[in-house]
Amino acid sequence: LKSGVVQEQETQRGSTVPNSDGTYHAWATIDVLPGDWDKYQCRVEHASLPQPGLFSWEPQSNLIPIVAGVAVAVVAVIAALAGFAVWKSKQGNMPGRVRQRGAGGRQRL
């Protein structure tokens, strides 16, 4: 249904085929532009339903790419901090460097 009107000409139907559990299913598709998804509903009629079911399109959640991006960013920051800590510790332990100590005393590293 598009805005409550059946779209027979645009609907492509498949045959009724068996499922592995001994039941059967049929399918129908229609090509829809992403901006028009909210205008369409699918009406399902079946003997087991007291009245036809109407189902609206619900967009898929984009949460997985966001979580993956945040995880990669966190790992990159941790790796950068660990690399900086290793570099800084090696800088402080270089032979021949002189570091100020207390009241003008020097310590040779």
PDB file of N, CA and C in Angstrom:
ATOM      1  N   LEU A   1       0.838  -1.178   0.000  1.00  0.00           N
ATOM      2  CA  LEU A   1       0.000   0.000   0.000  1.00  0.00           C
ATOM      3  C   LEU A   1       0.883   1.242   0.000  1.00  0.00           C
ATOM      4  N   LYS A   2       0.547   2.194  -0.836  1.00  0.00           N
ATOM      5  CA  LYS A   2       1.212   3.497  -0.820  1.00  0.00           C
ATOM      6  C   LYS A   2       0.155   4.518  -0.448  1.00  0.00           C
ATOM      7  N   SER A   3       0.333   5.128   0.708  1.00  0.00           N
ATOM      8  CA  SER A   3      -0.649   6.092   1.224  1.00  0.00           C
ATOM      9  C   SER A   3      -2.047   5.477   1.245  1.00  0.00           C
ATOM     10  N   GLY A   4      -2.147   4.196   1.587  1.00  0.00           N
ATOM     11  CA  GLY A   4      -3.425   3.501   1.697  1.00  0.00           C
ATOM     12  C   GLY A   4      -3.963   2.915   0.410  1.00  0.00           C
ATOM     13  N   VAL A   5      -3.269   3.100  -0.718  1.00  0.00           N
ATOM     14  CA  VAL A   5      -3.740   2.607  -2.017  1.00  0.00           C
ATOM     15  C   VAL A   5      -2.895   1.404  -2.437  1.00  0.00           C
ATOM     16  N   VAL A   6      -3.577   0.322  -2.842  1.00  0.00           N
ATOM     17  CA  VAL A   6      -2.887  -0.890  -3.293  1.00  0.00           C
ATOM     18  C   VAL A   6      -2.112  -0.582  -4.569  1.00  0.00           C
ATOM     19  N   GLN A   7      -0.886  -1.065  -4.651  1.00  0.00           N
ATOM     20  CA  GLN A   7      -0.001  -0.821  -5.800  1.00  0.00           C
ATOM     21  C   GLN A   7       0.221  -2.135  -6.566  1.00  0.00           C
ATOM     22  N   GLU A   8      -0.822  -2.644  -7.208  1.00  0.00           N
ATOM     23  CA  GLU A   8      -0.739  -3.940  -7.888  1.00  0.00           C
ATOM     24  C   GLU A   8       0.266  -3.939  -9.035  1.00  0.00           C
ATOM     25  N   GLN A   9       0.281  -2.886  -9.850  1.00  0.00           N
ATOM     26  CA  GLN A   9       1.141  -2.892 -11.035  1.00  0.00           C
ATOM     27  C   GLN A   9       2.617  -2.853 -10.676  1.00  0.00           C
ATOM     28  N   GLU A  10       2.977  -2.191  -9.576  1.00  0.00           N
ATOM     29  CA  GLU A  10       4.383  -2.089  -9.187  1.00  0.00           C
ATOM     30  C   GLU A  10       4.863  -3.293  -8.381  1.00  0.00           C
ATOM     31  N   THR A  11       3.942  -4.146  -7.951  1.00  0.00           N
ATOM     32  CA  THR A  11       4.285  -5.266  -7.071  1.00  0.00           C
ATOM     33  C   THR A  11       4.772  -6.459  -7.879  1.00  0.00           C
ATOM     34  N   GLN A  12       5.901  -6.992  -7.481  1.00  0.00           N
ATOM     35  CA  GLN A  12       6.446  -8.218  -8.078  1.00  0.00           C
ATOM     36  C   GLN A  12       6.208  -9.351  -7.085  1.00  0.00           C
ATOM     37  N   ARG A  13       5.631 -10.436  -7.548  1.00  0.00           N
ATOM     38  CA  ARG A  13       5.290 -11.545  -6.652  1.00  0.00           C
ATOM     39  C   ARG A  13       6.126 -12.776  -6.975  1.00  0.00           C
ATOM     40  N   GLY A  14       6.508 -13.458  -5.906  1.00  0.00           N
ATOM     41  CA  GLY A  14       7.216 -14.722  -6.056  1.00  0.00           C
ATOM     42  C   GLY A  14       6.242 -15.871  -5.855  1.00  0.00           C
ATOM     43  N   SER A  15       6.699 -17.066  -6.124  1.00  0.00           N
ATOM     44  CA  SER A  15       5.828 -18.229  -5.951  1.00  0.00           C
ATOM     45  C   SER A  15       5.807 -18.652  -4.482  1.00  0.00           C
ATOM     46  N   THR A  16       4.864 -19.519  -4.144  1.00  0.00           N
ATOM     47  CA  THR A  16       4.795 -20.076  -2.799  1.00  0.00           C
ATOM     48  C   THR A  16       5.792 -21.220  -2.733  1.00  0.00           C
ATOM     49  N   VAL A  17       6.687 -21.143  -1.760  1.00  0.00           N
ATOM     50  CA  VAL A  17       7.765 -22.138  -1.657  1.00  0.00           C
ATOM     51  C   VAL A  17       7.835 -22.689  -0.236  1.00  0.00           C
ATOM     52  N   PRO A  18       8.342 -23.938  -0.091  1.00  0.00           N
ATOM     53  CA  PRO A  18       8.392 -24.553   1.235  1.00  0.00           C
ATOM     54  C   PRO A  18       9.554 -24.036   2.084  1.00  0.00           C
ATOM     55  N   ASN A  19       9.332 -24.005   3.389  1.00  0.00           N
ATOM     56  CA  ASN A  19      10.384 -23.743   4.369  1.00  0.00           C
ATOM     57  C   ASN A  19      10.932 -25.082   4.853  1.00  0.00           C
ATOM     58  N   SER A  20      12.043 -25.067   5.537  1.00  0.00           N
ATOM     59  CA  SER A  20      12.653 -26.307   6.028  1.00  0.00           C
ATOM     60  C   SER A  20      11.829 -26.957   7.137  1.00  0.00           C
ATOM     61  N   ASP A  21      10.937 -26.200   7.791  1.00  0.00           N
ATOM     62  CA  ASP A  21      10.138 -26.765   8.885  1.00  0.00           C
ATOM     63  C   ASP A  21       8.789 -27.310   8.421  1.00  0.00           C
ATOM     64  N   GLY A  22       8.582 -27.412   7.111  1.00  0.00           N
ATOM     65  CA  GLY A  22       7.352 -27.983   6.586  1.00  0.00           C
ATOM     66  C   GLY A  22       6.271 -26.949   6.300  1.00  0.00           C
ATOM     67  N   THR A  23       6.503 -25.697   6.632  1.00  0.00           N
ATOM     68  CA  THR A  23       5.545 -24.642   6.309  1.00  0.00           C
ATOM     69  C   THR A  23       5.914 -24.032   4.957  1.00  0.00           C
ATOM     70  N   TYR A  24       5.107 -23.112   4.501  1.00  0.00           N
ATOM     71  CA  TYR A  24       5.340 -22.461   3.212  1.00  0.00           C
ATOM     72  C   TYR A  24       5.356 -20.948   3.385  1.00  0.00           C
ATOM     73  N   HIS A  25       5.986 -20.286   2.436  1.00  0.00           N
ATOM     74  CA  HIS A  25       5.947 -18.824   2.444  1.00  0.00           C
ATOM     75  C   HIS A  25       5.857 -18.296   1.016  1.00  0.00           C
ATOM     76  N   ALA A  26       5.272 -17.130   0.912  1.00  0.00           N
ATOM     77  CA  ALA A  26       5.188 -16.416  -0.364  1.00  0.00           C
ATOM     78  C   ALA A  26       5.772 -15.031  -0.123  1.00  0.00           C
ATOM     79  N   TRP A  27       6.218 -14.400  -1.190  1.00  0.00           N
ATOM     80  CA  TRP A  27       6.795 -13.068  -1.027  1.00  0.00           C
ATOM     81  C   TRP A  27       6.349 -12.152  -2.155  1.00  0.00           C
ATOM     82  N   ALA A  28       6.395 -10.882  -1.864  1.00  0.00           N
ATOM     83  CA  ALA A  28       6.091  -9.850  -2.854  1.00  0.00           C
ATOM     84  C   ALA A  28       7.023  -8.680  -2.573  1.00  0.00           C
ATOM     85  N   THR A  29       7.490  -8.022  -3.629  1.00  0.00           N
ATOM     86  CA  THR A  29       8.382  -6.876  -3.461  1.00  0.00           C
ATOM     87  C   THR A  29       7.887  -5.705  -4.301  1.00  0.00           C
ATOM     88  N   ILE A  30       8.360  -4.545  -3.922  1.00  0.00           N
ATOM     89  CA  ILE A  30       8.086  -3.330  -4.679  1.00  0.00           C
ATOM     90  C   ILE A  30       9.300  -2.425  -4.511  1.00  0.00           C
ATOM     91  N   ASP A  31       9.720  -1.777  -5.582  1.00  0.00           N
ATOM     92  CA  ASP A  31      10.857  -0.855  -5.513  1.00  0.00           C
ATOM     93  C   ASP A  31      10.366   0.494  -4.995  1.00  0.00           C
ATOM     94  N   VAL A  32      11.062   0.979  -3.953  1.00  0.00           N
ATOM     95  CA  VAL A  32      10.663   2.225  -3.300  1.00  0.00           C
ATOM     96  C   VAL A  32      11.888   3.107  -3.131  1.00  0.00           C
ATOM     97  N   LEU A  33      11.736   4.388  -3.423  1.00  0.00           N
ATOM     98  CA  LEU A  33      12.815   5.339  -3.176  1.00  0.00           C
ATOM     99  C   LEU A  33      12.962   5.547  -1.668  1.00  0.00           C
ATOM    100  N   PRO A  34      14.194   5.692  -1.167  1.00  0.00           N
ATOM    101  CA  PRO A  34      14.396   5.846   0.279  1.00  0.00           C
ATOM    102  C   PRO A  34      13.568   6.963   0.911  1.00  0.00           C
ATOM    103  N   GLY A  35      13.357   8.042   0.224  1.00  0.00           N
ATOM    104  CA  GLY A  35      12.576   9.139   0.783  1.00  0.00           C
ATOM    105  C   GLY A  35      11.087   8.843   0.897  1.00  0.00           C
ATOM    106  N   ASP A  36      10.619   7.782   0.227  1.00  0.00           N
ATOM    107  CA  ASP A  36       9.194   7.435   0.234  1.00  0.00           C
ATOM    108  C   ASP A  36       8.853   6.282   1.170  1.00  0.00           C
ATOM    109  N   TRP A  37       9.817   5.760   1.904  1.00  0.00           N
ATOM    110  CA  TRP A  37       9.580   4.588   2.752  1.00  0.00           C
ATOM    111  C   TRP A  37       8.433   4.802   3.725  1.00  0.00           C
ATOM    112  N   ASP A  38       8.303   6.010   4.254  1.00  0.00           N
ATOM    113  CA  ASP A  38       7.259   6.262   5.246  1.00  0.00           C
ATOM    114  C   ASP A  38       5.855   6.271   4.638  1.00  0.00           C
ATOM    115  N   LYS A  39       5.740   6.268   3.320  1.00  0.00           N
ATOM    116  CA  LYS A  39       4.437   6.280   2.648  1.00  0.00           C
ATOM    117  C   LYS A  39       3.898   4.874   2.390  1.00  0.00           C
ATOM    118  N   TYR A  40       4.727   3.850   2.597  1.00  0.00           N
ATOM    119  CA  TYR A  40       4.349   2.491   2.243  1.00  0.00           C
ATOM    120  C   TYR A  40       4.062   1.639   3.469  1.00  0.00           C
ATOM    121  N   GLN A  41       3.115   0.715   3.294  1.00  0.00           N
ATOM    122  CA  GLN A  41       2.815  -0.310   4.283  1.00  0.00           C
ATOM    123  C   GLN A  41       2.624  -1.627   3.553  1.00  0.00           C
ATOM    124  N   CYS A  42       2.844  -2.702   4.284  1.00  0.00           N
ATOM    125  CA  CYS A  42       2.622  -4.029   3.724  1.00  0.00           C
ATOM    126  C   CYS A  42       1.399  -4.624   4.420  1.00  0.00           C
ATOM    127  N   ARG A  43       0.425  -5.067   3.637  1.00  0.00           N
ATOM    128  CA  ARG A  43      -0.768  -5.703   4.204  1.00  0.00           C
ATOM    129  C   ARG A  43      -0.629  -7.212   4.045  1.00  0.00           C
ATOM    130  N   VAL A  44      -0.762  -7.908   5.166  1.00  0.00           N
ATOM    131  CA  VAL A  44      -0.639  -9.368   5.169  1.00  0.00           C
ATOM    132  C   VAL A  44      -1.992  -9.962   5.536  1.00  0.00           C
ATOM    133  N   GLU A  45      -2.500 -10.810   4.642  1.00  0.00           N
ATOM    134  CA  GLU A  45      -3.753 -11.519   4.909  1.00  0.00           C
ATOM    135  C   GLU A  45      -3.434 -13.000   5.014  1.00  0.00           C
ATOM    136  N   HIS A  46      -3.927 -13.620   6.093  1.00  0.00           N
ATOM    137  CA  HIS A  46      -3.672 -15.047   6.299  1.00  0.00           C
ATOM    138  C   HIS A  46      -4.815 -15.619   7.121  1.00  0.00           C
ATOM    139  N   ALA A  47      -5.134 -16.889   6.891  1.00  0.00           N
ATOM    140  CA  ALA A  47      -6.239 -17.542   7.597  1.00  0.00           C
ATOM    141  C   ALA A  47      -6.015 -17.559   9.107  1.00  0.00           C
ATOM    142  N   SER A  48      -4.771 -17.552   9.549  1.00  0.00           N
ATOM    143  CA  SER A  48      -4.484 -17.600  10.986  1.00  0.00           C
ATOM    144  C   SER A  48      -4.621 -16.233  11.663  1.00  0.00           C
ATOM    145  N   LEU A  49      -4.779 -15.182  10.882  1.00  0.00           N
ATOM    146  CA  LEU A  49      -4.915 -13.838  11.447  1.00  0.00           C
ATOM    147  C   LEU A  49      -6.392 -13.453  11.521  1.00  0.00           C
ATOM    148  N   PRO A  50      -6.845 -12.898  12.647  1.00  0.00           N
ATOM    149  CA  PRO A  50      -8.249 -12.493  12.747  1.00  0.00           C
ATOM    150  C   PRO A  50      -8.589 -11.344  11.795  1.00  0.00           C
ATOM    151  N   GLN A  51      -7.627 -10.510  11.502  1.00  0.00           N
ATOM    152  CA  GLN A  51      -7.802  -9.419  10.541  1.00  0.00           C
ATOM    153  C   GLN A  51      -6.463  -9.187   9.847  1.00  0.00           C
ATOM    154  N   PRO A  52      -6.469  -8.589   8.664  1.00  0.00           N
ATOM    155  CA  PRO A  52      -5.194  -8.357   7.964  1.00  0.00           C
ATOM    156  C   PRO A  52      -4.239  -7.516   8.812  1.00  0.00           C
ATOM    157  N   GLY A  53      -2.966  -7.868   8.755  1.00  0.00           N
ATOM    158  CA  GLY A  53      -1.949  -7.101   9.472  1.00  0.00           C
ATOM    159  C   GLY A  53      -1.367  -6.029   8.569  1.00  0.00           C
ATOM    160  N   LEU A  54      -1.156  -4.849   9.116  1.00  0.00           N
ATOM    161  CA  LEU A  54      -0.516  -3.757   8.384  1.00  0.00           C
ATOM    162  C   LEU A  54       0.838  -3.486   9.020  1.00  0.00           C
ATOM    163  N   PHE A  55       1.881  -3.516   8.202  1.00  0.00           N
ATOM    164  CA  PHE A  55       3.243  -3.338   8.695  1.00  0.00           C
ATOM    165  C   PHE A  55       3.905  -2.184   7.962  1.00  0.00           C
ATOM    166  N   SER A  56       4.496  -1.286   8.728  1.00  0.00           N
ATOM    167  CA  SER A  56       5.203  -0.138   8.157  1.00  0.00           C
ATOM    168  C   SER A  56       6.686  -0.430   8.091  1.00  0.00           C
ATOM    169  N   TRP A  57       7.356   0.255   7.175  1.00  0.00           N
ATOM    170  CA  TRP A  57       8.803   0.111   7.032  1.00  0.00           C
ATOM    171  C   TRP A  57       9.489   0.757   8.218  1.00  0.00           C
ATOM    172  N   GLU A  58      10.414   0.035   8.832  1.00  0.00           N
ATOM    173  CA  GLU A  58      11.239   0.585   9.901  1.00  0.00           C
ATOM    174  C   GLU A  58      12.683   0.510   9.444  1.00  0.00           C
ATOM    175  N   PRO A  59      13.344   1.652   9.332  1.00  0.00           N
ATOM    176  CA  PRO A  59      14.730   1.641   8.851  1.00  0.00           C
ATOM    177  C   PRO A  59      15.640   0.864   9.791  1.00  0.00           C
ATOM    178  N   GLN A  60      16.672   0.255   9.203  1.00  0.00           N
ATOM    179  CA  GLN A  60      17.642  -0.490   9.990  1.00  0.00           C
ATOM    180  C   GLN A  60      18.449   0.477  10.836  1.00  0.00           C
ATOM    181  N   SER A  61      18.818   0.003  11.994  1.00  0.00           N
ATOM    182  CA  SER A  61      19.626   0.818  12.894  1.00  0.00           C
ATOM    183  C   SER A  61      21.044   0.937  12.361  1.00  0.00           C
ATOM    184  N   ASN A  62      21.597   2.140  12.422  1.00  0.00           N
ATOM    185  CA  ASN A  62      22.979   2.369  12.015  1.00  0.00           C
ATOM    186  C   ASN A  62      23.904   2.352  13.219  1.00  0.00           C
ATOM    187  N   LEU A  63      23.499   1.670  14.273  1.00  0.00           N
ATOM    188  CA  LEU A  63      24.266   1.655  15.510  1.00  0.00           C
ATOM    189  C   LEU A  63      25.573   0.883  15.369  1.00  0.00           C
ATOM    190  N   ILE A  64      25.598  -0.176  14.587  1.00  0.00           N
ATOM    191  CA  ILE A  64      26.812  -0.998  14.466  1.00  0.00           C
ATOM    192  C   ILE A  64      27.981  -0.201  13.895  1.00  0.00           C
ATOM    193  N   PRO A  65      27.832   0.541  12.792  1.00  0.00           N
ATOM    194  CA  PRO A  65      28.973   1.327  12.312  1.00  0.00           C
ATOM    195  C   PRO A  65      29.432   2.384  13.314  1.00  0.00           C
ATOM    196  N   ILE A  66      28.499   2.962  14.055  1.00  0.00           N
ATOM    197  CA  ILE A  66      28.875   3.973  15.047  1.00  0.00           C
ATOM    198  C   ILE A  66      29.690   3.339  16.165  1.00  0.00           C
ATOM    199  N   VAL A  67      29.217   2.205  16.684  1.00  0.00           N
ATOM    200  CA  VAL A  67      29.940   1.512  17.755  1.00  0.00           C
ATOM    201  C   VAL A  67      31.311   1.068  17.263  1.00  0.00           C
ATOM    202  N   ALA A  68      31.391   0.540  16.050  1.00  0.00           N
ATOM    203  CA  ALA A  68      32.683   0.111  15.500  1.00  0.00           C
ATOM    204  C   ALA A  68      33.627   1.300  15.356  1.00  0.00           C
ATOM    205  N   GLY A  69      33.139   2.426  14.887  1.00  0.00           N
ATOM    206  CA  GLY A  69      33.974   3.616  14.742  1.00  0.00           C
ATOM    207  C   GLY A  69      34.496   4.116  16.076  1.00  0.00           C
ATOM    208  N   VAL A  70      33.641   4.124  17.088  1.00  0.00           N
ATOM    209  CA  VAL A  70      34.070   4.553  18.424  1.00  0.00           C
ATOM    210  C   VAL A  70      35.105   3.586  18.977  1.00  0.00           C
ATOM    211  N   ALA A  71      34.895   2.279  18.791  1.00  0.00           N
ATOM    212  CA  ALA A  71      35.854   1.285  19.283  1.00  0.00           C
ATOM    213  C   ALA A  71      37.215   1.462  18.616  1.00  0.00           C
ATOM    214  N   VAL A  72      37.227   1.679  17.308  1.00  0.00           N
ATOM    215  CA  VAL A  72      38.492   1.893  16.593  1.00  0.00           C
ATOM    216  C   VAL A  72      39.169   3.162  17.095  1.00  0.00           C
ATOM    217  N   ALA A  73      38.406   4.215  17.323  1.00  0.00           N
ATOM    218  CA  ALA A  73      38.981   5.467  17.823  1.00  0.00           C
ATOM    219  C   ALA A  73      39.579   5.285  19.214  1.00  0.00           C
ATOM    220  N   VAL A  74      38.897   4.554  20.087  1.00  0.00           N
ATOM    221  CA  VAL A  74      39.407   4.310  21.440  1.00  0.00           C
ATOM    222  C   VAL A  74      40.696   3.509  21.383  1.00  0.00           C
ATOM    223  N   VAL A  75      40.729   2.467  20.558  1.00  0.00           N
ATOM    224  CA  VAL A  75      41.948   1.661  20.420  1.00  0.00           C
ATOM    225  C   VAL A  75      43.082   2.516  19.865  1.00  0.00           C
ATOM    226  N   ALA A  76      42.797   3.378  18.907  1.00  0.00           N
ATOM    227  CA  ALA A  76      43.836   4.245  18.334  1.00  0.00           C
ATOM    228  C   ALA A  76      44.388   5.209  19.381  1.00  0.00           C
ATOM    229  N   VAL A  77      43.521   5.778  20.204  1.00  0.00           N
ATOM    230  CA  VAL A  77      43.978   6.696  21.252  1.00  0.00           C
ATOM    231  C   VAL A  77      44.828   5.952  22.276  1.00  0.00           C
ATOM    232  N   ILE A  78      44.400   4.761  22.678  1.00  0.00           N
ATOM    233  CA  ILE A  78      45.181   3.968  23.637  1.00  0.00           C
ATOM    234  C   ILE A  78      46.540   3.618  23.047  1.00  0.00           C
ATOM    235  N   ALA A  79      46.576   3.210  21.780  1.00  0.00           N
ATOM    236  CA  ALA A  79      47.846   2.873  21.132  1.00  0.00           C
ATOM    237  C   ALA A  79      48.749   4.104  21.048  1.00  0.00           C
ATOM    238  N   ALA A  80      48.180   5.258  20.732  1.00  0.00           N
ATOM    239  CA  ALA A  80      48.978   6.485  20.652  1.00  0.00           C
ATOM    240  C   ALA A  80      49.539   6.858  22.021  1.00  0.00           C
ATOM    241  N   LEU A  81      48.733   6.750  23.061  1.00  0.00           N
ATOM    242  CA  LEU A  81      49.206   7.052  24.410  1.00  0.00           C
ATOM    243  C   LEU A  81      50.292   6.078  24.852  1.00  0.00           C
ATOM    244  N   ALA A  82      50.111   4.799  24.541  1.00  0.00           N
ATOM    245  CA  ALA A  82      51.128   3.806  24.893  1.00  0.00           C
ATOM    246  C   ALA A  82      52.421   4.083  24.132  1.00  0.00           C
ATOM    247  N   GLY A  83      52.321   4.401  22.854  1.00  0.00           N
ATOM    248  CA  GLY A  83      53.506   4.733  22.059  1.00  0.00           C
ATOM    249  C   GLY A  83      54.212   5.962  22.596  1.00  0.00           C
ATOM    250  N   PHE A  84      53.453   6.976  22.976  1.00  0.00           N
ATOM    251  CA  PHE A  84      54.040   8.188  23.543  1.00  0.00           C
ATOM    252  C   PHE A  84      54.733   7.880  24.866  1.00  0.00           C
ATOM    253  N   ALA A  85      54.115   7.045  25.704  1.00  0.00           N
ATOM    254  CA  ALA A  85      54.714   6.691  26.996  1.00  0.00           C
ATOM    255  C   ALA A  85      56.027   5.943  26.796  1.00  0.00           C
ATOM    256  N   VAL A  86      56.065   5.015  25.852  1.00  0.00           N
ATOM    257  CA  VAL A  86      57.304   4.277  25.569  1.00  0.00           C
ATOM    258  C   VAL A  86      58.362   5.231  25.040  1.00  0.00           C
ATOM    259  N   TRP A  87      57.999   6.105  24.117  1.00  0.00           N
ATOM    260  CA  TRP A  87      58.950   7.071  23.556  1.00  0.00           C
ATOM    261  C   TRP A  87      59.483   7.984  24.646  1.00  0.00           C
ATOM    262  N   LYS A  88      58.606   8.470  25.516  1.00  0.00           N
ATOM    263  CA  LYS A  88      59.007   9.382  26.585  1.00  0.00           C
ATOM    264  C   LYS A  88      59.931   8.678  27.575  1.00  0.00           C
ATOM    265  N   SER A  89      59.642   7.415  27.889  1.00  0.00           N
ATOM    266  CA  SER A  89      60.502   6.698  28.838  1.00  0.00           C
ATOM    267  C   SER A  89      61.880   6.443  28.238  1.00  0.00           C
ATOM    268  N   LYS A  90      61.959   6.222  26.949  1.00  0.00           N
ATOM    269  CA  LYS A  90      63.264   6.028  26.300  1.00  0.00           C
ATOM    270  C   LYS A  90      64.026   7.342  26.222  1.00  0.00           C
ATOM    271  N   GLN A  91      63.332   8.461  26.061  1.00  0.00           N
ATOM    272  CA  GLN A  91      63.975   9.772  26.026  1.00  0.00           C
ATOM    273  C   GLN A  91      64.646  10.070  27.369  1.00  0.00           C
ATOM    274  N   GLY A  92      64.014   9.709  28.469  1.00  0.00           N
ATOM    275  CA  GLY A  92      64.545   9.985  29.794  1.00  0.00           C
ATOM    276  C   GLY A  92      65.710   9.094  30.173  1.00  0.00           C
ATOM    277  N   ASN A  93      65.911   7.990  29.516  1.00  0.00           N
ATOM    278  CA  ASN A  93      66.968   7.034  29.854  1.00  0.00           C
ATOM    279  C   ASN A  93      68.119   7.049  28.867  1.00  0.00           C
ATOM    280  N   MET A  94      68.269   8.117  28.106  1.00  0.00           N
ATOM    281  CA  MET A  94      69.354   8.170  27.129  1.00  0.00           C
ATOM    282  C   MET A  94      70.678   8.401  27.848  1.00  0.00           C
ATOM    283  N   PRO A  95      71.722   7.631  27.548  1.00  0.00           N
ATOM    284  CA  PRO A  95      73.021   7.816  28.195  1.00  0.00           C
ATOM    285  C   PRO A  95      73.606   9.184  27.855  1.00  0.00           C
ATOM    286  N   GLY A  96      74.261   9.796  28.857  1.00  0.00           N
ATOM    287  CA  GLY A  96      74.921  11.066  28.630  1.00  0.00           C
ATOM    288  C   GLY A  96      74.046  12.272  28.861  1.00  0.00           C
ATOM    289  N   ARG A  97      72.793  12.094  29.124  1.00  0.00           N
ATOM    290  CA  ARG A  97      71.906  13.238  29.383  1.00  0.00           C
ATOM    291  C   ARG A  97      72.080  13.690  30.816  1.00  0.00           C
ATOM    292  N   VAL A  98      72.036  14.967  31.018  1.00  0.00           N
ATOM    293  CA  VAL A  98      72.177  15.541  32.355  1.00  0.00           C
ATOM    294  C   VAL A  98      70.835  16.108  32.764  1.00  0.00           C
ATOM    295  N   ARG A  99      70.435  15.791  34.000  1.00  0.00           N
ATOM    296  CA  ARG A  99      69.162  16.279  34.499  1.00  0.00           C
ATOM    297  C   ARG A  99      69.419  17.053  35.783  1.00  0.00           C
ATOM    298  N   GLN A 100      68.758  18.190  35.947  1.00  0.00           N
ATOM    299  CA  GLN A 100      68.899  18.992  37.159  1.00  0.00           C
ATOM    300  C   GLN A 100      68.319  18.216  38.332  1.00  0.00           C
ATOM    301  N   ARG A 101      68.990  18.353  39.504  1.00  0.00           N
ATOM    302  CA  ARG A 101      68.509  17.643  40.674  1.00  0.00           C
ATOM    303  C   ARG A 101      68.566  18.568  41.876  1.00  0.00           C
ATOM    304  N   GLY A 102      67.437  18.791  42.476  1.00  0.00           N
ATOM    305  CA  GLY A 102      67.388  19.566  43.710  1.00  0.00           C
ATOM    306  C   GLY A 102      67.905  20.981  43.544  1.00  0.00           C
ATOM    307  N   ALA A 103      68.795  21.417  44.470  1.00  0.00           N
ATOM    308  CA  ALA A 103      69.295  22.793  44.519  1.00  0.00           C
ATOM    309  C   ALA A 103      70.550  22.931  43.689  1.00  0.00           C
ATOM    310  N   GLY A 104      70.472  22.717  42.439  1.00  0.00           N
ATOM    311  CA  GLY A 104      71.606  22.929  41.555  1.00  0.00           C
ATOM    312  C   GLY A 104      72.508  21.726  41.400  1.00  0.00           C
ATOM    313  N   GLY A 105      72.259  20.645  42.122  1.00  0.00           N
ATOM    314  CA  GLY A 105      73.082  19.450  41.955  1.00  0.00           C
ATOM    315  C   GLY A 105      72.781  18.782  40.638  1.00  0.00           C
ATOM    316  N   ARG A 106      73.758  18.117  40.064  1.00  0.00           N
ATOM    317  CA  ARG A 106      73.546  17.459  38.776  1.00  0.00           C
ATOM    318  C   ARG A 106      73.653  15.953  38.950  1.00  0.00           C
ATOM    319  N   GLN A 107      72.922  15.293  38.160  1.00  0.00           N
ATOM    320  CA  GLN A 107      72.984  13.839  38.161  1.00  0.00           C
ATOM    321  C   GLN A 107      73.189  13.406  36.728  1.00  0.00           C
ATOM    322  N   ARG A 108      74.159  12.551  36.513  1.00  0.00           N
ATOM    323  CA  ARG A 108      74.432  12.055  35.165  1.00  0.00           C
ATOM    324  C   ARG A 108      73.667  10.755  34.982  1.00  0.00           C
ATOM    325  N   LEU A 109      72.978  10.659  33.888  1.00  0.00           N
ATOM    326  CA  LEU A 109      72.204   9.454  33.602  1.00  0.00           C
ATOM    327  C   LEU A 109      72.966   8.516  32.724  1.00  0.00           C
TER     328      LEU A 109
END
